[in-house]
Amino acid sequence: MNIHEYQAKELFEKFGVPSPKGIVASTAEEAGAAAKTIGGSDLVVKAQVHAGGRGKGTFKNGFKGGVHLSDTPEKIQELAGQMLGQVLVTHQTGEEGRLVSKVMVAEGVDIERELYLAILMDRGTARPVIVASTEGGMDIEEVAEKTPEKILRQFIHPLNGLQPFEIRKLAAALKLSGDQAKQFGKLLKNLFTLFIKCDCDMVEINPLVVTPAGDVLALDAKFGFDDNALYRHPEIVEMRDTTEEDPREVEASKFDLNYIGLDGNIACLVNGAGLAMATMDIIKHCGGEPANFLDVGGGATKEQVSAAFKIILSDPNVEGILVNIFGGIMQCDIIAEGILAAAAELELTIPLVVRLEGTNVAKGKELIANSDLAVISADNLNDAAEKIVAAVKG
């Protein structure tokens, strides 16, 4: 789950991470009022979407830039009016872009240096890792590709937590000393506490800035949370903005299904993420294009299977469905019942290939064989992929 920048600022304030004051607005008038509340002659208005590259983005109405500076509330109101209700396209949104329904007005900051700081979960070491660089304010991927020596990684022991010597090492790498190093140390310590207590899988500050006055501030932020731990954080769940997500993914989450839409025409319904990846790969190998990743999990019910079919068929590009189930906890006969019920209810007219293996497989295959529905049975994964690709192309 991701959150907006203005929500990130709320978490920063709660955990004592210094950041410029910001106020969210849903209308141009609210943006103007927010600018008056913040005061001063240095103001910034930012489009609030779940995507990076906003400043370099372009709105489909021709207006350029999702981040603008101004010195008056009136101008901020005018700029907000050109953003709200419009679709912003950045290098991360794709051509479809994202609708801007909120903007954030914040106090502008004079910048002397821009740094990069992030805390992530590293799967390889099963530890949090702090990533820092003197090259802030730009794409960190570009820095990693062109000047990898400018990126420092500090792995943190999961039981010992962030240690003072690790903070000093990072401050030195970022060329911070004296009071700036002390400010950075406090900021990083509080940021790490936030990361752990809120069950984040990513917190990225780009840029972390040093002002001419010597202050160290988090100017921009991106958060990601561990979905499996959200039950512990109802206050964070309330921050979820489903308008920023694929409606099919939102619907799938209601049934505890994992769905990711793709660009192909052969839908996949599989139990287990690894099996789903293998299924998509073999479809591609056989000359087809997968339309989605859909994992129904290890113990799906008939209701979940039916919901999965409805979500799959909501994609107009789908011309065939491949069901690939390996029954362990999941029983093949239960899956078969769900498949047949969904196919009958939805009056399925596109090819459907089913490959079952594992617990109660004989009973599951028998149910499918005895049904009146035009379901194509497959003996193995390769056979299933060849049959669905042929059926769609034929």
Protein backbone atom coordinates (compact mmCIF):
# COMPACT_ATOMS: atom_id res chain seq x y z
CA MET A 1 0.00 0.00 0.00
CA ASN A 2 1.22 3.49 -0.88
CA ILE A 3 0.20 6.88 0.49
CA HIS A 4 0.27 10.46 -0.78
CA GLU A 5 2.97 12.99 0.06
CA TYR A 6 0.68 15.02 2.30
CA GLN A 7 -0.07 11.86 4.29
CA ALA A 8 3.65 11.15 4.53
CA LYS A 9 4.08 14.57 6.11
CA GLU A 10 1.50 13.63 8.74
CA LEU A 11 3.58 10.58 9.66
CA PHE A 12 6.75 12.67 9.67
CA GLU A 13 5.17 15.11 12.12
CA LYS A 14 4.00 12.25 14.36
CA PHE A 15 7.49 10.72 14.55
CA GLY A 16 9.52 13.91 14.69
CA VAL A 17 11.02 13.89 11.19
CA PRO A 18 11.54 17.57 10.22
CA SER A 19 9.75 18.56 7.01
CA PRO A 20 8.33 21.82 5.59
CA LYS A 21 4.73 22.51 6.57
CA GLY A 22 2.14 21.38 4.02
CA ILE A 23 -1.66 21.53 3.66
CA VAL A 24 -3.76 19.38 1.33
CA ALA A 25 -6.44 20.94 -0.88
CA SER A 26 -9.17 19.48 -3.10
CA THR A 27 -10.18 22.73 -4.83
CA ALA A 28 -8.35 25.75 -6.16
CA GLU A 29 -10.02 27.89 -3.50
CA GLU A 30 -8.81 25.57 -0.75
CA ALA A 31 -5.31 25.78 -2.21
CA GLY A 32 -5.40 29.57 -2.10
CA ALA A 33 -6.61 29.49 1.50
CA ALA A 34 -3.86 27.02 2.41
CA ALA A 35 -1.25 29.33 0.91
CA LYS A 36 -2.54 32.21 3.06
CA THR A 37 -2.42 29.99 6.17
CA ILE A 38 1.18 28.97 5.49
CA GLY A 39 2.18 32.53 4.66
CA GLY A 40 5.48 33.83 3.36
CA SER A 41 6.62 34.56 -0.17
CA ASP A 42 8.09 31.12 -0.92
CA LEU A 43 5.30 28.68 -1.71
CA VAL A 44 5.02 25.45 -3.68
CA VAL A 45 2.01 23.53 -4.99
CA LYS A 46 2.35 19.82 -5.79
CA ALA A 47 -0.03 17.43 -7.55
CA GLN A 48 -0.83 14.46 -5.30
CA VAL A 49 -0.62 11.20 -7.24
CA HIS A 50 1.07 7.86 -6.55
CA ALA A 51 3.86 8.37 -9.07
CA GLY A 52 7.31 9.87 -9.28
CA GLY A 53 8.56 12.42 -11.78
CA ARG A 54 5.69 14.83 -11.12
CA GLY A 55 7.80 17.94 -11.66
CA LYS A 56 8.78 16.82 -15.17
CA GLY A 57 5.31 15.49 -16.00
CA THR A 58 2.78 16.98 -18.40
CA PHE A 59 -0.98 17.22 -18.05
CA LYS A 60 -3.17 16.02 -20.89
CA ASN A 61 -4.63 19.52 -21.09
CA GLY A 62 -1.16 20.76 -22.09
CA PHE A 63 -0.18 22.28 -18.74
CA LYS A 64 3.41 21.33 -17.91
CA GLY A 65 4.70 20.26 -14.52
CA GLY A 66 3.00 18.79 -11.46
CA VAL A 67 5.15 20.90 -9.11
CA HIS A 68 5.23 24.71 -9.24
CA LEU A 69 6.71 27.52 -7.17
CA SER A 70 5.03 30.86 -6.54
CA ASP A 71 5.16 33.84 -4.20
CA THR A 72 1.45 34.67 -3.79
CA PRO A 73 -1.69 32.78 -2.67
CA GLU A 74 -3.49 34.06 -5.77
CA LYS A 75 -0.96 32.48 -8.10
CA ILE A 76 -1.01 29.23 -6.08
CA GLN A 77 -4.80 29.15 -6.49
CA GLU A 78 -4.46 29.68 -10.24
CA LEU A 79 -1.83 26.91 -10.57
CA ALA A 80 -3.92 24.49 -8.49
CA GLY A 81 -6.89 25.17 -10.75
CA GLN A 82 -4.86 24.07 -13.77
CA MET A 83 -3.92 20.79 -12.04
CA LEU A 84 -7.06 19.65 -10.24
CA GLY A 85 -9.37 17.43 -12.24
CA GLN A 86 -6.70 16.95 -14.91
CA VAL A 87 -4.67 13.86 -15.85
CA LEU A 88 -0.93 14.03 -15.18
CA VAL A 89 1.41 11.87 -17.25
CA THR A 90 4.90 11.08 -15.91
CA HIS A 91 7.54 8.49 -16.75
CA GLN A 92 6.07 6.29 -14.00
CA THR A 93 2.36 6.56 -14.84
CA GLY A 94 2.49 5.38 -18.44
CA GLU A 95 0.50 7.06 -21.20
CA GLU A 96 -2.78 6.69 -19.32
CA GLY A 97 -1.56 9.07 -16.59
CA ARG A 98 -3.19 9.72 -13.20
CA LEU A 99 -6.13 11.95 -12.35
CA VAL A 100 -5.19 14.69 -9.90
CA SER A 101 -7.92 15.11 -7.29
CA LYS A 102 -5.77 16.74 -4.59
CA VAL A 103 -2.83 19.10 -4.41
CA MET A 104 -0.57 19.96 -1.51
CA VAL A 105 0.50 23.52 -0.76
CA ALA A 106 3.74 23.78 1.21
CA GLU A 107 6.23 26.38 2.30
CA GLY A 108 9.12 26.72 -0.12
CA VAL A 109 12.64 25.98 1.03
CA ASP A 110 15.95 27.49 -0.08
CA ILE A 111 18.21 24.59 -0.98
CA GLU A 112 21.98 24.47 -0.68
CA ARG A 113 22.42 20.70 -1.14
CA GLU A 114 20.17 17.84 -2.22
CA LEU A 115 20.76 14.36 -0.79
CA TYR A 116 19.05 10.99 -1.12
CA LEU A 117 17.92 8.80 1.80
CA ALA A 118 15.81 5.65 1.89
CA ILE A 119 15.13 2.70 4.16
CA LEU A 120 14.10 -0.57 2.51
CA MET A 121 13.67 -4.23 3.34
CA ASP A 122 16.46 -6.25 1.71
CA ARG A 123 15.24 -9.74 0.84
CA GLY A 124 18.73 -11.15 0.32
CA THR A 125 19.90 -10.43 3.87
CA ALA A 126 16.44 -10.32 5.52
CA ARG A 127 17.43 -6.99 7.08
CA PRO A 128 16.50 -3.33 6.76
CA VAL A 129 18.98 -1.44 4.60
CA ILE A 130 19.59 2.30 4.58
CA VAL A 131 20.47 3.65 1.15
CA ALA A 132 22.07 7.10 0.99
CA SER A 133 23.68 9.24 -1.68
CA THR A 134 25.02 12.76 -2.16
CA GLU A 135 23.16 12.76 -5.50
CA GLY A 136 19.67 13.75 -4.37
CA GLY A 137 16.88 15.34 -6.36
CA MET A 138 17.32 13.00 -9.34
CA ASP A 139 16.38 9.44 -10.30
CA ILE A 140 18.30 7.14 -7.99
CA GLU A 141 18.12 4.42 -10.66
CA GLU A 142 20.13 6.68 -12.97
CA VAL A 143 22.68 7.31 -10.24
CA ALA A 144 22.98 3.56 -9.61
CA GLU A 145 23.57 2.94 -13.32
CA LYS A 146 26.01 5.74 -14.10
CA THR A 147 27.82 6.39 -10.78
CA PRO A 148 27.18 3.40 -8.47
CA GLU A 149 30.09 4.40 -6.25
CA LYS A 150 28.02 7.36 -5.05
CA ILE A 151 25.44 5.09 -3.39
CA LEU A 152 26.08 3.82 0.14
CA ARG A 153 24.20 0.88 1.65
CA GLN A 154 24.15 0.30 5.40
CA PHE A 155 22.52 -2.95 6.53
CA ILE A 156 20.88 -2.81 9.96
CA HIS A 157 20.76 -5.76 12.37
CA PRO A 158 17.07 -6.57 12.95
CA LEU A 159 17.52 -7.07 16.72
CA ASN A 160 20.20 -4.49 17.52
CA GLY A 161 18.54 -1.77 15.47
CA LEU A 162 20.19 1.40 14.20
CA GLN A 163 23.48 2.03 16.01
CA PRO A 164 25.23 5.39 16.65
CA PHE A 165 28.32 4.37 14.68
CA GLU A 166 26.12 3.58 11.66
CA ILE A 167 24.58 7.04 11.86
CA ARG A 168 28.04 8.63 12.03
CA LYS A 169 29.20 6.58 9.04
CA LEU A 170 26.22 7.70 6.94
CA ALA A 171 26.59 11.35 7.99
CA ALA A 172 30.24 11.31 6.97
CA ALA A 173 29.39 9.71 3.62
CA LEU A 174 26.89 12.50 2.98
CA LYS A 175 29.54 15.08 3.95
CA LEU A 176 27.59 16.31 6.95
CA SER A 177 29.43 17.53 10.02
CA GLY A 178 28.87 19.53 13.19
CA ASP A 179 25.27 20.62 13.80
CA GLN A 180 24.15 19.26 10.41
CA ALA A 181 25.40 15.79 11.37
CA LYS A 182 23.51 16.03 14.68
CA GLN A 183 20.30 17.05 12.89
CA PHE A 184 20.74 14.24 10.39
CA GLY A 185 21.33 11.75 13.21
CA LYS A 186 18.10 12.72 14.95
CA LEU A 187 16.16 12.68 11.68
CA LEU A 188 17.49 9.25 10.69
CA LYS A 189 16.86 7.77 14.13
CA ASN A 190 13.24 8.98 14.09
CA LEU A 191 12.79 7.84 10.48
CA PHE A 192 14.02 4.35 11.35
CA THR A 193 11.62 4.22 14.31
CA LEU A 194 8.78 5.18 11.95
CA PHE A 195 9.89 2.51 9.45
CA ILE A 196 9.81 -0.25 12.08
CA LYS A 197 6.74 0.79 14.06
CA CYS A 198 4.58 1.33 10.98
CA ASP A 199 5.70 -1.93 9.29
CA CYS A 200 6.99 -0.13 6.21
CA ASP A 201 8.73 -1.93 3.39
CA MET A 202 10.04 1.36 1.97
CA VAL A 203 10.52 4.96 3.03
CA GLU A 204 12.24 7.16 0.45
CA ILE A 205 13.20 10.81 0.88
CA ASN A 206 14.29 12.42 -2.37
CA PRO A 207 15.50 14.98 -1.84
CA LEU A 208 16.71 15.29 1.72
CA VAL A 209 17.87 18.91 1.69
CA VAL A 210 20.35 21.08 3.51
CA THR A 211 19.31 24.74 3.60
CA PRO A 212 21.66 27.75 3.54
CA ALA A 213 20.83 28.16 7.24
CA GLY A 214 22.17 24.65 7.88
CA ASP A 215 18.83 22.89 8.50
CA VAL A 216 18.36 19.29 7.35
CA LEU A 217 14.82 18.64 6.10
CA ALA A 218 12.83 15.90 4.36
CA LEU A 219 11.49 17.74 1.33
CA ASP A 220 9.69 14.89 -0.45
CA ALA A 221 8.69 11.38 0.61
CA LYS A 222 7.40 8.09 -0.75
CA PHE A 223 6.09 5.29 1.49
CA GLY A 224 5.28 1.63 0.98
CA PHE A 225 3.77 -0.61 3.66
CA ASP A 226 3.78 -4.36 4.22
CA ASP A 227 0.25 -5.38 3.25
CA ASN A 228 0.42 -8.41 5.55
CA ALA A 229 0.91 -6.13 8.59
CA LEU A 230 -1.78 -3.55 7.85
CA TYR A 231 -4.20 -5.23 10.26
CA ARG A 232 -2.04 -3.71 13.01
CA HIS A 233 -2.42 -0.20 11.61
CA PRO A 234 -6.06 0.78 10.98
CA GLU A 235 -5.02 4.44 10.99
CA ILE A 236 -2.75 3.78 8.00
CA VAL A 237 -5.37 1.68 6.20
CA GLU A 238 -7.62 4.75 6.35
CA MET A 239 -5.02 6.58 4.26
CA ARG A 240 -5.51 4.20 1.33
CA ASP A 241 -6.64 5.97 -1.83
CA THR A 242 -8.31 3.34 -4.02
CA THR A 243 -8.76 5.87 -6.85
CA GLU A 244 -4.99 5.58 -7.40
CA GLU A 245 -5.20 1.81 -7.89
CA ASP A 246 -6.43 -0.47 -10.68
CA PRO A 247 -10.15 -1.09 -9.92
CA ARG A 248 -9.63 -4.79 -10.62
CA GLU A 249 -6.87 -4.97 -8.03
CA VAL A 250 -9.09 -3.18 -5.52
CA GLU A 251 -11.92 -5.63 -6.17
CA ALA A 252 -9.53 -8.59 -5.89
CA SER A 253 -8.26 -7.40 -2.51
CA LYS A 254 -11.82 -7.57 -1.15
CA PHE A 255 -11.70 -11.35 -1.68
CA ASP A 256 -8.07 -11.78 -0.54
CA LEU A 257 -6.97 -12.41 -4.11
CA ASN A 258 -3.69 -11.16 -5.57
CA TYR A 259 -4.30 -9.63 -8.99
CA ILE A 260 -2.07 -7.63 -11.32
CA GLY A 261 -3.33 -6.61 -14.74
CA LEU A 262 -1.06 -7.04 -17.80
CA ASP A 263 -1.38 -6.23 -21.50
CA GLY A 264 -2.02 -9.68 -23.04
CA ASN A 265 -5.16 -11.62 -23.94
CA ILE A 266 -4.77 -14.95 -22.06
CA ALA A 267 -5.94 -14.74 -18.46
CA CYS A 268 -4.26 -16.85 -15.77
CA LEU A 269 -5.93 -18.21 -12.63
CA VAL A 270 -3.34 -19.96 -10.49
CA ASN A 271 -2.72 -20.85 -6.84
CA GLY A 272 0.70 -19.73 -5.66
CA ALA A 273 2.88 -16.83 -6.82
CA GLY A 274 5.66 -19.06 -8.13
CA LEU A 275 3.25 -21.17 -10.13
CA ALA A 276 1.65 -17.99 -11.48
CA MET A 277 5.02 -16.73 -12.71
CA ALA A 278 5.80 -20.09 -14.32
CA THR A 279 2.37 -20.13 -15.99
CA MET A 280 2.87 -16.67 -17.47
CA ASP A 281 6.33 -17.64 -18.68
CA ILE A 282 5.14 -20.78 -20.47
CA ILE A 283 2.24 -18.92 -22.10
CA LYS A 284 4.80 -16.48 -23.48
CA HIS A 285 7.06 -19.38 -24.51
CA CYS A 286 4.21 -20.95 -26.47
CA GLY A 287 3.54 -17.74 -28.37
CA GLY A 288 0.79 -16.21 -26.24
CA GLU A 289 0.55 -13.08 -24.10
CA PRO A 290 -0.58 -13.26 -20.44
CA ALA A 291 -3.36 -10.83 -19.55
CA ASN A 292 -2.84 -10.91 -15.81
CA PHE A 293 -1.25 -12.39 -12.73
CA LEU A 294 -3.96 -13.82 -10.48
CA ASP A 295 -3.06 -15.89 -7.42
CA VAL A 296 -6.08 -17.32 -5.55
CA GLY A 297 -3.86 -18.51 -2.69
CA GLY A 298 -3.52 -21.87 -1.01
CA GLY A 299 -7.04 -22.28 0.33
CA ALA A 300 -9.45 -20.53 -1.98
CA THR A 301 -13.20 -21.10 -1.68
CA LYS A 302 -15.74 -21.50 -4.45
CA GLU A 303 -16.80 -17.91 -3.82
CA GLN A 304 -13.23 -16.67 -4.30
CA VAL A 305 -12.85 -18.63 -7.52
CA SER A 306 -16.10 -17.18 -8.83
CA ALA A 307 -14.95 -13.67 -7.88
CA ALA A 308 -11.64 -14.33 -9.64
CA PHE A 309 -13.45 -15.23 -12.88
CA LYS A 310 -15.55 -12.08 -12.73
CA ILE A 311 -12.44 -9.92 -12.24
CA ILE A 312 -10.67 -11.68 -15.12
CA LEU A 313 -13.61 -11.20 -17.46
CA SER A 314 -13.89 -7.50 -16.60
CA ASP A 315 -10.83 -7.05 -18.85
CA PRO A 316 -12.18 -6.67 -22.42
CA ASN A 317 -8.85 -7.84 -23.85
CA VAL A 318 -9.20 -11.35 -22.40
CA GLU A 319 -9.84 -13.92 -25.17
CA GLY A 320 -9.07 -17.10 -23.24
CA ILE A 321 -8.50 -18.38 -19.69
CA LEU A 322 -5.92 -20.84 -18.39
CA VAL A 323 -6.56 -22.32 -14.93
CA ASN A 324 -3.47 -24.01 -13.47
CA ILE A 325 -3.98 -25.49 -10.01
CA PHE A 326 -1.61 -27.60 -7.92
CA GLY A 327 -3.66 -28.85 -5.01
CA GLY A 328 -1.97 -29.09 -1.63
CA ILE A 329 -4.05 -27.34 0.98
CA MET A 330 -6.20 -26.40 -1.99
CA GLN A 331 -8.36 -29.33 -3.09
CA CYS A 332 -8.81 -29.82 -6.83
CA ASP A 333 -12.48 -30.78 -6.52
CA ILE A 334 -13.26 -27.51 -4.71
CA ILE A 335 -11.50 -25.56 -7.44
CA ALA A 336 -13.38 -27.55 -10.10
CA GLU A 337 -16.72 -26.76 -8.44
CA GLY A 338 -15.83 -23.08 -8.35
CA ILE A 339 -14.72 -23.07 -11.97
CA LEU A 340 -17.90 -24.77 -13.18
CA ALA A 341 -20.15 -22.55 -11.06
CA ALA A 342 -18.45 -19.39 -12.33
CA ALA A 343 -18.47 -20.54 -15.97
CA ALA A 344 -22.18 -21.36 -15.77
CA GLU A 345 -23.12 -18.15 -13.97
CA LEU A 346 -21.15 -15.94 -16.32
CA GLU A 347 -22.22 -17.88 -19.45
CA LEU A 348 -18.59 -18.16 -20.52
CA THR A 349 -18.12 -17.94 -24.29
CA ILE A 350 -14.30 -17.78 -24.55
CA PRO A 351 -11.95 -20.82 -24.43
CA LEU A 352 -11.23 -22.18 -20.97
CA VAL A 353 -8.36 -24.62 -20.38
CA VAL A 354 -8.00 -26.29 -16.97
CA ARG A 355 -5.00 -28.18 -15.64
CA LEU A 356 -5.41 -29.77 -12.20
CA GLU A 357 -2.87 -31.70 -10.14
CA GLY A 358 -2.60 -32.71 -6.49
CA THR A 359 -5.15 -33.36 -3.75
CA ASN A 360 -8.43 -34.87 -5.01
CA VAL A 361 -7.29 -34.41 -8.62
CA ALA A 362 -9.26 -37.44 -9.89
CA LYS A 363 -12.48 -36.10 -8.40
CA GLY A 364 -11.80 -32.64 -9.79
CA LYS A 365 -11.16 -33.94 -13.31
CA GLU A 366 -14.28 -36.10 -13.08
CA LEU A 367 -16.42 -33.07 -12.21
CA ILE A 368 -15.09 -31.18 -15.22
CA ALA A 369 -15.44 -34.17 -17.58
CA ASN A 370 -19.07 -34.75 -16.55
CA SER A 371 -20.12 -31.13 -16.91
CA ASP A 372 -22.04 -29.77 -19.88
CA LEU A 373 -19.63 -26.85 -20.23
CA ALA A 374 -17.04 -26.54 -22.99
CA VAL A 375 -14.01 -26.82 -20.72
CA ILE A 376 -10.74 -28.08 -22.26
CA SER A 377 -8.83 -30.37 -19.91
CA ALA A 378 -5.01 -30.51 -19.93
CA ASP A 379 -2.63 -33.14 -18.55
CA ASN A 380 0.31 -30.89 -17.68
CA LEU A 381 1.40 -27.26 -17.77
CA ASN A 382 3.01 -27.40 -21.21
CA ASP A 383 -0.06 -29.13 -22.64
CA ALA A 384 -2.30 -26.50 -21.03
CA ALA A 385 -0.31 -23.59 -22.44
CA GLU A 386 -0.24 -25.04 -25.94
CA LYS A 387 -3.98 -25.69 -25.87
CA ILE A 388 -4.98 -22.20 -24.67
CA VAL A 389 -2.65 -20.44 -27.13
CA ALA A 390 -4.01 -22.56 -30.00
CA ALA A 391 -7.61 -21.96 -28.91
CA VAL A 392 -7.16 -18.20 -28.76
CA LYS A 393 -5.29 -17.99 -32.08
CA GLY A 394 -7.65 -20.45 -33.78
